[in-house]
PDB file of N, CA and C in Angstrom:
ATOM      1  N   MET A   1     270.147 118.565  11.622  1.00  0.00           N
ATOM      2  CA  MET A   1     270.210 118.530  10.173  1.00  0.00           C
ATOM      3  C   MET A   1     270.211 119.961   9.649  1.00  0.00           C
ATOM      4  N   THR A   2     271.097 120.265   8.760  1.00  0.00           N
ATOM      5  CA  THR A   2     271.146 121.603   8.189  1.00  0.00           C
ATOM      6  C   THR A   2     270.205 121.692   6.999  1.00  0.00           C
ATOM      7  N   LEU A   3     269.697 122.887   6.761  1.00  0.00           N
ATOM      8  CA  LEU A   3     268.771 123.128   5.664  1.00  0.00           C
ATOM      9  C   LEU A   3     269.466 123.948   4.584  1.00  0.00           C
ATOM     10  N   PRO A   4     268.962 123.880   3.353  1.00  0.00           N
ATOM     11  CA  PRO A   4     269.485 124.777   2.321  1.00  0.00           C
ATOM     12  C   PRO A   4     269.240 126.232   2.735  1.00  0.00           C
ATOM     13  N   ALA A   5     270.016 127.145   2.207  1.00  0.00           N
ATOM     14  CA  ALA A   5     269.961 128.548   2.633  1.00  0.00           C
ATOM     15  C   ALA A   5     268.568 129.150   2.476  1.00  0.00           C
ATOM     16  N   GLN A   6     267.914 128.939   1.340  1.00  0.00           N
ATOM     17  CA  GLN A   6     266.598 129.533   1.107  1.00  0.00           C
ATOM     18  C   GLN A   6     265.562 128.972   2.070  1.00  0.00           C
ATOM     19  N   THR A   7     265.597 127.666   2.310  1.00  0.00           N
ATOM     20  CA  THR A   7     264.648 127.039   3.236  1.00  0.00           C
ATOM     21  C   THR A   7     264.874 127.535   4.655  1.00  0.00           C
ATOM     22  N   ALA A   8     266.122 127.668   5.058  1.00  0.00           N
ATOM     23  CA  ALA A   8     266.430 128.184   6.394  1.00  0.00           C
ATOM     24  C   ALA A   8     265.972 129.626   6.535  1.00  0.00           C
ATOM     25  N   ARG A   9     266.165 130.432   5.495  1.00  0.00           N
ATOM     26  CA  ARG A   9     265.725 131.817   5.526  1.00  0.00           C
ATOM     27  C   ARG A   9     264.206 131.907   5.668  1.00  0.00           C
ATOM     28  N   GLU A  10     263.483 131.106   4.901  1.00  0.00           N
ATOM     29  CA  GLU A  10     262.021 131.116   4.984  1.00  0.00           C
ATOM     30  C   GLU A  10     261.547 130.683   6.370  1.00  0.00           C
ATOM     31  N   TRP A  11     262.175 129.648   6.936  1.00  0.00           N
ATOM     32  CA  TRP A  11     261.787 129.183   8.263  1.00  0.00           C
ATOM     33  C   TRP A  11     262.037 130.267   9.309  1.00  0.00           C
ATOM     34  N   LEU A  12     263.196 130.907   9.230  1.00  0.00           N
ATOM     35  CA  LEU A  12     263.532 131.939  10.200  1.00  0.00           C
ATOM     36  C   LEU A  12     262.597 133.138  10.080  1.00  0.00           C
ATOM     37  N   ARG A  13     262.271 133.548   8.867  1.00  0.00           N
ATOM     38  CA  ARG A  13     261.339 134.654   8.685  1.00  0.00           C
ATOM     39  C   ARG A  13     259.956 134.299   9.223  1.00  0.00           C
ATOM     40  N   GLU A  14     259.515 133.074   9.024  1.00  0.00           N
ATOM     41  CA  GLU A  14     258.207 132.642   9.547  1.00  0.00           C
ATOM     42  C   GLU A  14     258.211 132.647  11.071  1.00  0.00           C
ATOM     43  N   GLN A  15     259.289 132.164  11.680  1.00  0.00           N
ATOM     44  CA  GLN A  15     259.382 132.174  13.144  1.00  0.00           C
ATOM     45  C   GLN A  15     259.366 133.600  13.678  1.00  0.00           C
ATOM     46  N   TYR A  16     260.079 134.495  13.015  1.00  0.00           N
ATOM     47  CA  TYR A  16     260.113 135.892  13.443  1.00  0.00           C
ATOM     48  C   TYR A  16     258.740 136.534  13.284  1.00  0.00           C
ATOM     49  N   ARG A  17     258.048 136.261  12.162  1.00  0.00           N
ATOM     50  CA  ARG A  17     256.716 136.820  11.947  1.00  0.00           C
ATOM     51  C   ARG A  17     255.757 136.340  13.018  1.00  0.00           C
ATOM     52  N   GLU A  18     255.815 135.051  13.357  1.00  0.00           N
ATOM     53  CA  GLU A  18     254.941 134.523  14.409  1.00  0.00           C
ATOM     54  C   GLU A  18     255.232 135.199  15.744  1.00  0.00           C
ATOM     55  N   TRP A  19     256.509 135.402  16.057  1.00  0.00           N
ATOM     56  CA  TRP A  19     256.850 136.061  17.315  1.00  0.00           C
ATOM     57  C   TRP A  19     256.384 137.516  17.307  1.00  0.00           C
ATOM     58  N   GLU A  20     256.587 138.196  16.166  1.00  0.00           N
ATOM     59  CA  GLU A  20     256.245 139.605  16.064  1.00  0.00           C
ATOM     60  C   GLU A  20     254.738 139.827  16.168  1.00  0.00           C
ATOM     61  N   GLU A  21     253.942 138.919  15.612  1.00  0.00           N
ATOM     62  CA  GLU A  21     252.495 139.076  15.614  1.00  0.00           C
ATOM     63  C   GLU A  21     251.821 138.265  16.718  1.00  0.00           C
ATOM     64  N   SER A  22     252.591 137.788  17.658  1.00  0.00           N
ATOM     65  CA  SER A  22     252.013 136.986  18.738  1.00  0.00           C
ATOM     66  C   SER A  22     251.065 137.838  19.577  1.00  0.00           C
ATOM     67  N   PRO A  23     250.046 137.215  20.152  1.00  0.00           N
ATOM     68  CA  PRO A  23     249.083 137.981  20.936  1.00  0.00           C
ATOM     69  C   PRO A  23     249.608 138.404  22.303  1.00  0.00           C
ATOM     70  N   ALA A  24     250.828 138.041  22.639  1.00  0.00           N
ATOM     71  CA  ALA A  24     251.380 138.439  23.935  1.00  0.00           C
ATOM     72  C   ALA A  24     251.382 139.965  24.011  1.00  0.00           C
ATOM     73  N   PRO A  25     250.836 140.531  25.089  1.00  0.00           N
ATOM     74  CA  PRO A  25     250.741 141.986  25.162  1.00  0.00           C
ATOM     75  C   PRO A  25     252.103 142.656  25.329  1.00  0.00           C
ATOM     76  N   HIS A  26     252.204 143.829  24.786  1.00  0.00           N
ATOM     77  CA  HIS A  26     253.407 144.634  24.955  1.00  0.00           C
ATOM     78  C   HIS A  26     253.269 145.378  26.280  1.00  0.00           C
ATOM     79  N   PRO A  27     254.344 145.561  27.010  1.00  0.00           N
ATOM     80  CA  PRO A  27     254.241 146.305  28.278  1.00  0.00           C
ATOM     81  C   PRO A  27     253.980 147.792  28.006  1.00  0.00           C
ATOM     82  N   PRO A  28     253.438 148.504  28.994  1.00  0.00           N
ATOM     83  CA  PRO A  28     253.178 149.934  28.785  1.00  0.00           C
ATOM     84  C   PRO A  28     254.442 150.737  28.459  1.00  0.00           C
ATOM     85  N   ASN A  29     255.590 150.294  28.937  1.00  0.00           N
ATOM     86  CA  ASN A  29     256.844 150.983  28.614  1.00  0.00           C
ATOM     87  C   ASN A  29     257.610 150.213  27.537  1.00  0.00           C
ATOM     88  N   CYS A  30     256.901 149.725  26.539  1.00  0.00           N
ATOM     89  CA  CYS A  30     257.499 148.934  25.451  1.00  0.00           C
ATOM     90  C   CYS A  30     258.605 149.746  24.779  1.00  0.00           C
ATOM     91  N   PRO A  31     259.780 149.134  24.571  1.00  0.00           N
ATOM     92  CA  PRO A  31     260.872 149.870  23.920  1.00  0.00           C
ATOM     93  C   PRO A  31     260.583 150.233  22.468  1.00  0.00           C
ATOM     94  N   GLY A  32     259.564 149.637  21.875  1.00  0.00           N
ATOM     95  CA  GLY A  32     259.206 149.988  20.502  1.00  0.00           C
ATOM     96  C   GLY A  32     258.397 151.266  20.409  1.00  0.00           C
ATOM     97  N   GLY A  33     257.900 151.761  21.549  1.00  0.00           N
ATOM     98  CA  GLY A  33     257.165 153.016  21.562  1.00  0.00           C
ATOM     99  C   GLY A  33     255.682 152.888  21.328  1.00  0.00           C
ATOM    100  N   CYS A  34     255.113 151.670  21.460  1.00  0.00           N
ATOM    101  CA  CYS A  34     253.690 151.492  21.198  1.00  0.00           C
ATOM    102  C   CYS A  34     252.827 151.786  22.427  1.00  0.00           C
ATOM    103  N   GLY A  35     253.424 151.874  23.609  1.00  0.00           N
ATOM    104  CA  GLY A  35     252.653 152.134  24.820  1.00  0.00           C
ATOM    105  C   GLY A  35     251.761 150.978  25.217  1.00  0.00           C
ATOM    106  N   GLY A  36     252.063 149.772  24.728  1.00  0.00           N
ATOM    107  CA  GLY A  36     251.284 148.592  25.079  1.00  0.00           C
ATOM    108  C   GLY A  36     250.233 148.212  24.059  1.00  0.00           C
ATOM    109  N   SER A  37     250.027 149.019  23.026  1.00  0.00           N
ATOM    110  CA  SER A  37     248.986 148.728  22.037  1.00  0.00           C
ATOM    111  C   SER A  37     249.427 147.715  20.985  1.00  0.00           C
ATOM    112  N   GLY A  38     250.730 147.604  20.738  1.00  0.00           N
ATOM    113  CA  GLY A  38     251.231 146.693  19.718  1.00  0.00           C
ATOM    114  C   GLY A  38     251.337 147.337  18.345  1.00  0.00           C
ATOM    115  N   GLU A  39     250.947 148.610  18.213  1.00  0.00           N
ATOM    116  CA  GLU A  39     251.036 149.323  16.944  1.00  0.00           C
ATOM    117  C   GLU A  39     251.677 150.682  17.168  1.00  0.00           C
ATOM    118  N   VAL A  40     252.449 151.133  16.199  1.00  0.00           N
ATOM    119  CA  VAL A  40     253.062 152.460  16.237  1.00  0.00           C
ATOM    120  C   VAL A  40     252.766 153.167  14.918  1.00  0.00           C
ATOM    121  N   LEU A  41     252.626 154.488  14.976  1.00  0.00           N
ATOM    122  CA  LEU A  41     252.456 155.273  13.755  1.00  0.00           C
ATOM    123  C   LEU A  41     253.812 155.432  13.092  1.00  0.00           C
ATOM    124  N   THR A  42     253.872 155.079  11.821  1.00  0.00           N
ATOM    125  CA  THR A  42     255.119 155.141  11.076  1.00  0.00           C
ATOM    126  C   THR A  42     254.880 155.879   9.765  1.00  0.00           C
ATOM    127  N   ILE A  43     255.803 156.746   9.413  1.00  0.00           N
ATOM    128  CA  ILE A  43     255.706 157.455   8.134  1.00  0.00           C
ATOM    129  C   ILE A  43     256.009 156.454   7.028  1.00  0.00           C
ATOM    130  N   LEU A  44     255.082 156.345   6.087  1.00  0.00           N
ATOM    131  CA  LEU A  44     255.246 155.386   4.995  1.00  0.00           C
ATOM    132  C   LEU A  44     255.627 156.051   3.682  1.00  0.00           C
ATOM    133  N   THR A  45     255.243 157.296   3.477  1.00  0.00           N
ATOM    134  CA  THR A  45     255.476 157.951   2.200  1.00  0.00           C
ATOM    135  C   THR A  45     256.076 159.333   2.420  1.00  0.00           C
ATOM    136  N   TRP A  46     257.137 159.630   1.660  1.00  0.00           N
ATOM    137  CA  TRP A  46     257.795 160.930   1.698  1.00  0.00           C
ATOM    138  C   TRP A  46     257.791 161.506   0.293  1.00  0.00           C
ATOM    139  N   GLN A  47     257.798 162.829   0.192  1.00  0.00           N
ATOM    140  CA  GLN A  47     258.019 163.470  -1.096  1.00  0.00           C
ATOM    141  C   GLN A  47     259.501 163.381  -1.416  1.00  0.00           C
ATOM    142  N   ASP A  48     259.859 163.704  -2.645  1.00  0.00           N
ATOM    143  CA  ASP A  48     261.266 163.612  -3.029  1.00  0.00           C
ATOM    144  C   ASP A  48     262.143 164.624  -2.290  1.00  0.00           C
ATOM    145  N   ASP A  49     261.557 165.659  -1.692  1.00  0.00           N
ATOM    146  CA  ASP A  49     262.353 166.612  -0.918  1.00  0.00           C
ATOM    147  C   ASP A  49     262.466 166.217   0.556  1.00  0.00           C
ATOM    148  N   GLY A  50     261.919 165.050   0.941  1.00  0.00           N
ATOM    149  CA  GLY A  50     262.038 164.549   2.302  1.00  0.00           C
ATOM    150  C   GLY A  50     260.881 164.908   3.209  1.00  0.00           C
ATOM    151  N   THR A  51     259.865 165.593   2.707  1.00  0.00           N
ATOM    152  CA  THR A  51     258.704 165.957   3.513  1.00  0.00           C
ATOM    153  C   THR A  51     257.814 164.744   3.722  1.00  0.00           C
ATOM    154  N   PRO A  52     257.451 164.395   4.975  1.00  0.00           N
ATOM    155  CA  PRO A  52     256.550 163.265   5.200  1.00  0.00           C
ATOM    156  C   PRO A  52     255.158 163.553   4.643  1.00  0.00           C
ATOM    157  N   LEU A  53     254.571 162.566   3.964  1.00  0.00           N
ATOM    158  CA  LEU A  53     253.245 162.731   3.376  1.00  0.00           C
ATOM    159  C   LEU A  53     252.179 161.900   4.077  1.00  0.00           C
ATOM    160  N   HIS A  54     252.513 160.670   4.448  1.00  0.00           N
ATOM    161  CA  HIS A  54     251.472 159.753   4.918  1.00  0.00           C
ATOM    162  C   HIS A  54     252.048 158.832   5.981  1.00  0.00           C
ATOM    163  N   GLN A  55     251.284 158.633   7.053  1.00  0.00           N
ATOM    164  CA  GLN A  55     251.702 157.670   8.063  1.00  0.00           C
ATOM    165  C   GLN A  55     250.519 156.784   8.424  1.00  0.00           C
ATOM    166  N   GLU A  56     250.826 155.570   8.822  1.00  0.00           N
ATOM    167  CA  GLU A  56     249.820 154.584   9.194  1.00  0.00           C
ATOM    168  C   GLU A  56     250.332 153.784  10.371  1.00  0.00           C
ATOM    169  N   PRO A  57     249.417 153.149  11.114  1.00  0.00           N
ATOM    170  CA  PRO A  57     249.872 152.267  12.191  1.00  0.00           C
ATOM    171  C   PRO A  57     250.403 150.957  11.613  1.00  0.00           C
ATOM    172  N   ILE A  58     251.548 150.524  12.108  1.00  0.00           N
ATOM    173  CA  ILE A  58     252.096 149.221  11.736  1.00  0.00           C
ATOM    174  C   ILE A  58     252.423 148.472  13.023  1.00  0.00           C
ATOM    175  N   TRP A  59     252.732 147.184  12.906  1.00  0.00           N
ATOM    176  CA  TRP A  59     253.048 146.369  14.076  1.00  0.00           C
ATOM    177  C   TRP A  59     254.296 146.901  14.762  1.00  0.00           C
ATOM    178  N   CYS A  60     254.262 146.928  16.073  1.00  0.00           N
ATOM    179  CA  CYS A  60     255.414 147.344  16.863  1.00  0.00           C
ATOM    180  C   CYS A  60     256.441 146.212  16.859  1.00  0.00           C
ATOM    181  N   ASN A  61     257.702 146.538  16.662  1.00  0.00           N
ATOM    182  CA  ASN A  61     258.731 145.501  16.631  1.00  0.00           C
ATOM    183  C   ASN A  61     259.407 145.323  17.994  1.00  0.00           C
ATOM    184  N   ARG A  62     258.762 145.815  19.042  1.00  0.00           N
ATOM    185  CA  ARG A  62     259.229 145.639  20.423  1.00  0.00           C
ATOM    186  C   ARG A  62     260.639 146.184  20.635  1.00  0.00           C
ATOM    187  N   GLY A  63     261.015 147.184  19.890  1.00  0.00           N
ATOM    188  CA  GLY A  63     262.333 147.781  20.056  1.00  0.00           C
ATOM    189  C   GLY A  63     263.446 147.029  19.369  1.00  0.00           C
ATOM    190  N   GLU A  64     263.131 145.930  18.700  1.00  0.00           N
ATOM    191  CA  GLU A  64     264.138 145.161  17.978  1.00  0.00           C
ATOM    192  C   GLU A  64     264.499 145.896  16.686  1.00  0.00           C
ATOM    193  N   PRO A  65     265.714 145.738  16.209  1.00  0.00           N
ATOM    194  CA  PRO A  65     266.057 146.382  14.932  1.00  0.00           C
ATOM    195  C   PRO A  65     265.210 145.809  13.807  1.00  0.00           C
ATOM    196  N   GLU A  66     264.989 146.625  12.804  1.00  0.00           N
ATOM    197  CA  GLU A  66     264.200 146.189  11.657  1.00  0.00           C
ATOM    198  C   GLU A  66     264.847 144.982  10.986  1.00  0.00           C
ATOM    199  N   ASP A  67     264.020 144.110  10.451  1.00  0.00           N
ATOM    200  CA  ASP A  67     264.507 142.946   9.726  1.00  0.00           C
ATOM    201  C   ASP A  67     265.179 143.441   8.443  1.00  0.00           C
ATOM    202  N   PRO A  68     266.474 143.204   8.279  1.00  0.00           N
ATOM    203  CA  PRO A  68     267.138 143.736   7.088  1.00  0.00           C
ATOM    204  C   PRO A  68     266.643 143.038   5.826  1.00  0.00           C
ATOM    205  N   HIS A  69     266.446 143.814   4.806  1.00  0.00           N
ATOM    206  CA  HIS A  69     266.031 143.267   3.519  1.00  0.00           C
ATOM    207  C   HIS A  69     267.285 142.976   2.715  1.00  0.00           C
ATOM    208  N   GLY A  70     267.321 141.823   2.101  1.00  0.00           N
ATOM    209  CA  GLY A  70     268.483 141.419   1.328  1.00  0.00           C
ATOM    210  C   GLY A  70     268.548 142.106  -0.017  1.00  0.00           C
ATOM    211  N   PRO A  71     269.648 141.921  -0.731  1.00  0.00           N
ATOM    212  CA  PRO A  71     269.777 142.545  -2.043  1.00  0.00           C
ATOM    213  C   PRO A  71     268.810 141.968  -3.078  1.00  0.00           C
ATOM    214  N   ASP A  72     268.167 140.822  -2.755  1.00  0.00           N
ATOM    215  CA  ASP A  72     267.208 140.257  -3.687  1.00  0.00           C
ATOM    216  C   ASP A  72     265.794 140.775  -3.447  1.00  0.00           C
ATOM    217  N   CYS A  73     265.601 141.688  -2.487  1.00  0.00           N
ATOM    218  CA  CYS A  73     264.295 142.286  -2.227  1.00  0.00           C
ATOM    219  C   CYS A  73     264.042 143.383  -3.258  1.00  0.00           C
ATOM    220  N   GLU A  74     262.774 143.738  -3.454  1.00  0.00           N
ATOM    221  CA  GLU A  74     262.447 144.803  -4.400  1.00  0.00           C
ATOM    222  C   GLU A  74     263.070 146.132  -4.007  1.00  0.00           C
ATOM    223  N   CYS A  75     263.330 146.331  -2.708  1.00  0.00           N
ATOM    224  CA  CYS A  75     263.941 147.588  -2.256  1.00  0.00           C
ATOM    225  C   CYS A  75     265.462 147.555  -2.382  1.00  0.00           C
ATOM    226  N   ARG A  76     266.031 146.442  -2.807  1.00  0.00           N
ATOM    227  CA  ARG A  76     267.472 146.242  -2.985  1.00  0.00           C
ATOM    228  C   ARG A  76     268.248 146.414  -1.683  1.00  0.00           C
ATOM    229  N   GLY A  77     267.582 146.087  -0.564  1.00  0.00           N
ATOM    230  CA  GLY A  77     268.246 146.117   0.729  1.00  0.00           C
ATOM    231  C   GLY A  77     268.209 147.452   1.437  1.00  0.00           C
ATOM    232  N   THR A  78     267.611 148.481   0.836  1.00  0.00           N
ATOM    233  CA  THR A  78     267.587 149.800   1.461  1.00  0.00           C
ATOM    234  C   THR A  78     266.458 149.950   2.464  1.00  0.00           C
ATOM    235  N   GLY A  79     265.376 149.186   2.298  1.00  0.00           N
ATOM    236  CA  GLY A  79     264.199 149.333   3.156  1.00  0.00           C
ATOM    237  C   GLY A  79     263.181 150.307   2.597  1.00  0.00           C
ATOM    238  N   TYR A  80     263.477 150.907   1.436  1.00  0.00           N
ATOM    239  CA  TYR A  80     262.573 151.872   0.827  1.00  0.00           C
ATOM    240  C   TYR A  80     262.418 151.573  -0.664  1.00  0.00           C
ATOM    241  N   THR A  81     261.234 151.840  -1.180  1.00  0.00           N
ATOM    242  CA  THR A  81     260.988 151.752  -2.616  1.00  0.00           C
ATOM    243  C   THR A  81     260.667 153.156  -3.119  1.00  0.00           C
ATOM    244  N   TYR A  82     260.823 153.382  -4.401  1.00  0.00           N
ATOM    245  CA  TYR A  82     260.558 154.702  -4.988  1.00  0.00           C
ATOM    246  C   TYR A  82     259.526 154.544  -6.081  1.00  0.00           C
ATOM    247  N   ASP A  83     258.481 155.391  -6.027  1.00  0.00           N
ATOM    248  CA  ASP A  83     257.435 155.382  -7.033  1.00  0.00           C
ATOM    249  C   ASP A  83     257.647 156.583  -7.947  1.00  0.00           C
ATOM    250  N   PRO A  84     258.196 156.375  -9.149  1.00  0.00           N
ATOM    251  CA  PRO A  84     258.500 157.519 -10.024  1.00  0.00           C
ATOM    252  C   PRO A  84     257.245 158.231 -10.530  1.00  0.00           C
ATOM    253  N   ARG A  85     256.093 157.550 -10.565  1.00  0.00           N
ATOM    254  CA  ARG A  85     254.873 158.213 -11.039  1.00  0.00           C
ATOM    255  C   ARG A  85     254.490 159.377 -10.136  1.00  0.00           C
ATOM    256  N   TYR A  86     254.610 159.156  -8.822  1.00  0.00           N
ATOM    257  CA  TYR A  86     254.218 160.192  -7.863  1.00  0.00           C
ATOM    258  C   TYR A  86     255.417 160.873  -7.217  1.00  0.00           C
ATOM    259  N   ARG A  87     256.624 160.450  -7.590  1.00  0.00           N
ATOM    260  CA  ARG A  87     257.868 160.982  -7.028  1.00  0.00           C
ATOM    261  C   ARG A  87     257.854 160.863  -5.505  1.00  0.00           C
ATOM    262  N   GLU A  88     257.569 159.660  -5.019  1.00  0.00           N
ATOM    263  CA  GLU A  88     257.486 159.416  -3.588  1.00  0.00           C
ATOM    264  C   GLU A  88     258.369 158.239  -3.200  1.00  0.00           C
ATOM    265  N   ARG A  89     258.961 158.331  -2.026  1.00  0.00           N
ATOM    266  CA  ARG A  89     259.717 157.223  -1.450  1.00  0.00           C
ATOM    267  C   ARG A  89     258.812 156.541  -0.436  1.00  0.00           C
ATOM    268  N   ASN A  90     258.678 155.212  -0.532  1.00  0.00           N
ATOM    269  CA  ASN A  90     257.788 154.456   0.329  1.00  0.00           C
ATOM    270  C   ASN A  90     258.575 153.461   1.166  1.00  0.00           C
ATOM    271  N   LEU A  91     258.090 153.229   2.370  1.00  0.00           N
ATOM    272  CA  LEU A  91     258.700 152.259   3.262  1.00  0.00           C
ATOM    273  C   LEU A  91     258.406 150.861   2.743  1.00  0.00           C
ATOM    274  N   CYS A  92     259.418 150.012   2.630  1.00  0.00           N
ATOM    275  CA  CYS A  92     259.236 148.625   2.192  1.00  0.00           C
ATOM    276  C   CYS A  92     258.837 147.821   3.419  1.00  0.00           C
ATOM    277  N   LEU A  93     257.563 147.453   3.496  1.00  0.00           N
ATOM    278  CA  LEU A  93     257.042 146.823   4.705  1.00  0.00           C
ATOM    279  C   LEU A  93     257.292 145.325   4.777  1.00  0.00           C
ATOM    280  N   THR A  94     257.434 144.673   3.658  1.00  0.00           N
ATOM    281  CA  THR A  94     257.635 143.225   3.680  1.00  0.00           C
ATOM    282  C   THR A  94     258.767 142.855   2.748  1.00  0.00           C
ATOM    283  N   TYR A  95     259.438 141.804   3.096  1.00  0.00           N
ATOM    284  CA  TYR A  95     260.489 141.272   2.235  1.00  0.00           C
ATOM    285  C   TYR A  95     259.822 140.613   1.037  1.00  0.00           C
ATOM    286  N   SER A  96     260.075 141.124  -0.153  1.00  0.00           N
ATOM    287  CA  SER A  96     259.480 140.534  -1.347  1.00  0.00           C
ATOM    288  C   SER A  96     260.561 140.409  -2.412  1.00  0.00           C
ATOM    289  N   PRO A  97     260.969 139.189  -2.699  1.00  0.00           N
ATOM    290  CA  PRO A  97     262.041 138.992  -3.683  1.00  0.00           C
ATOM    291  C   PRO A  97     261.641 139.484  -5.063  1.00  0.00           C
ATOM    292  N   ARG A  98     262.598 140.041  -5.764  1.00  0.00           N
ATOM    293  CA  ARG A  98     262.346 140.457  -7.134  1.00  0.00           C
ATOM    294  C   ARG A  98     262.151 139.210  -7.977  1.00  0.00           C
ATOM    295  N   PRO A  99     261.242 139.249  -8.949  1.00  0.00           N
ATOM    296  CA  PRO A  99     261.003 138.068  -9.771  1.00  0.00           C
ATOM    297  C   PRO A  99     262.262 137.641 -10.529  1.00  0.00           C
ATOM    298  N   GLY A 100     262.516 136.346 -10.513  1.00  0.00           N
ATOM    299  CA  GLY A 100     263.620 135.784 -11.263  1.00  0.00           C
ATOM    300  C   GLY A 100     264.976 135.981 -10.633  1.00  0.00           C
ATOM    301  N   GLN A 101     265.042 136.481  -9.409  1.00  0.00           N
ATOM    302  CA  GLN A 101     266.330 136.750  -8.787  1.00  0.00           C
ATOM    303  C   GLN A 101     267.059 135.458  -8.418  1.00  0.00           C
ATOM    304  N   ASN A 102     266.344 134.497  -7.822  1.00  0.00           N
ATOM    305  CA  ASN A 102     266.980 133.269  -7.363  1.00  0.00           C
ATOM    306  C   ASN A 102     266.540 132.039  -8.144  1.00  0.00           C
ATOM    307  N   THR A 103     265.752 132.232  -9.182  1.00  0.00           N
ATOM    308  CA  THR A 103     265.282 131.085  -9.936  1.00  0.00           C
ATOM    309  C   THR A 103     266.283 130.759 -11.036  1.00  0.00           C
ATOM    310  N   PRO A 104     266.866 129.566 -11.004  1.00  0.00           N
ATOM    311  CA  PRO A 104     267.815 129.210 -12.052  1.00  0.00           C
ATOM    312  C   PRO A 104     267.100 128.990 -13.378  1.00  0.00           C
ATOM    313  N   THR A 105     267.795 129.233 -14.462  1.00  0.00           N
ATOM    314  CA  THR A 105     267.228 129.000 -15.782  1.00  0.00           C
ATOM    315  C   THR A 105     267.177 127.497 -16.025  1.00  0.00           C
ATOM    316  N   PRO A 106     265.971 126.959 -16.280  1.00  0.00           N
ATOM    317  CA  PRO A 106     265.884 125.519 -16.483  1.00  0.00           C
ATOM    318  C   PRO A 106     266.570 125.104 -17.779  1.00  0.00           C
ATOM    319  N   ALA A 107     267.283 124.002 -17.711  1.00  0.00           N
ATOM    320  CA  ALA A 107     267.944 123.469 -18.897  1.00  0.00           C
ATOM    321  C   ALA A 107     266.923 122.689 -19.717  1.00  0.00           C
ATOM    322  N   ALA A 108     267.040 122.790 -21.029  1.00  0.00           N
ATOM    323  CA  ALA A 108     266.125 122.075 -21.912  1.00  0.00           C
ATOM    324  C   ALA A 108     266.397 120.581 -21.843  1.00  0.00           C
ATOM    325  N   ASP A 109     265.337 119.812 -21.783  1.00  0.00           N
ATOM    326  CA  ASP A 109     265.451 118.358 -21.771  1.00  0.00           C
ATOM    327  C   ASP A 109     265.783 117.891 -23.189  1.00  0.00           C
ATOM    328  N   PRO A 110     266.865 117.132 -23.369  1.00  0.00           N
ATOM    329  CA  PRO A 110     267.222 116.721 -24.739  1.00  0.00           C
ATOM    330  C   PRO A 110     266.182 115.802 -25.381  1.00  0.00           C
ATOM    331  N   ASP A 111     265.342 115.136 -24.553  1.00  0.00           N
ATOM    332  CA  ASP A 111     264.325 114.255 -25.113  1.00  0.00           C
ATOM    333  C   ASP A 111     263.006 114.979 -25.397  1.00  0.00           C
ATOM    334  N   ASP A 112     262.918 116.263 -25.082  1.00  0.00           N
ATOM    335  CA  ASP A 112     261.699 117.018 -25.300  1.00  0.00           C
ATOM    336  C   ASP A 112     261.693 117.527 -26.738  1.00  0.00           C
ATOM    337  N   PRO A 113     260.746 117.078 -27.579  1.00  0.00           N
ATOM    338  CA  PRO A 113     260.742 117.507 -28.982  1.00  0.00           C
ATOM    339  C   PRO A 113     260.424 118.990 -29.137  1.00  0.00           C
ATOM    340  N   TRP A 114     259.704 119.570 -28.203  1.00  0.00           N
ATOM    341  CA  TRP A 114     259.335 120.976 -28.308  1.00  0.00           C
ATOM    342  C   TRP A 114     260.506 121.885 -27.951  1.00  0.00           C
ATOM    343  N   ALA A 115     261.420 121.418 -27.115  1.00  0.00           N
ATOM    344  CA  ALA A 115     262.545 122.246 -26.711  1.00  0.00           C
ATOM    345  C   ALA A 115     263.700 122.207 -27.723  1.00  0.00           C
ATOM    346  N   SER A 116     263.795 121.125 -28.499  1.00  0.00           N
ATOM    347  CA  SER A 116     264.932 120.994 -29.411  1.00  0.00           C
ATOM    348  C   SER A 116     264.644 121.499 -30.818  1.00  0.00           C
ATOM    349  N   LYS A 117     263.389 121.738 -31.146  1.00  0.00           N
ATOM    350  CA  LYS A 117     263.045 122.187 -32.502  1.00  0.00           C
ATOM    351  C   LYS A 117     262.964 123.702 -32.545  1.00  0.00           C
ATOM    352  N   PRO A 118     263.302 124.322 -33.673  1.00  0.00           N
ATOM    353  CA  PRO A 118     263.112 125.773 -33.798  1.00  0.00           C
ATOM    354  C   PRO A 118     261.616 126.074 -33.854  1.00  0.00           C
ATOM    355  N   PHE A 119     261.277 127.315 -33.539  1.00  0.00           N
ATOM    356  CA  PHE A 119     259.858 127.722 -33.540  1.00  0.00           C
ATOM    357  C   PHE A 119     259.292 127.704 -34.928  1.00  0.00           C
TER     358      PHE A 119
END
């Protein structure tokens, strides 16, 4: 049975997250570069001139390519967000849809008295 696109996407992302965070140990020569720990240090914040500012340990992706973020993500598919207050570029760590991107505008019910009357 086929699923609607959004439901299939959510299922696939959940399966990938479960695999990525599984307790199965990484080998010492893990292609992700974690050395078997399951975490790698990754630069999360850069200045606007490209200088790295901050790094933290994140989950090792076992050498797999990063999960691409779609155009409906807050990063607009680039994988990075920009904070204009601090003039910093930040790594987009999770897929987070922008509000209202895929939500259709609900049609007013013709039998609803509150929807058909002016304010």
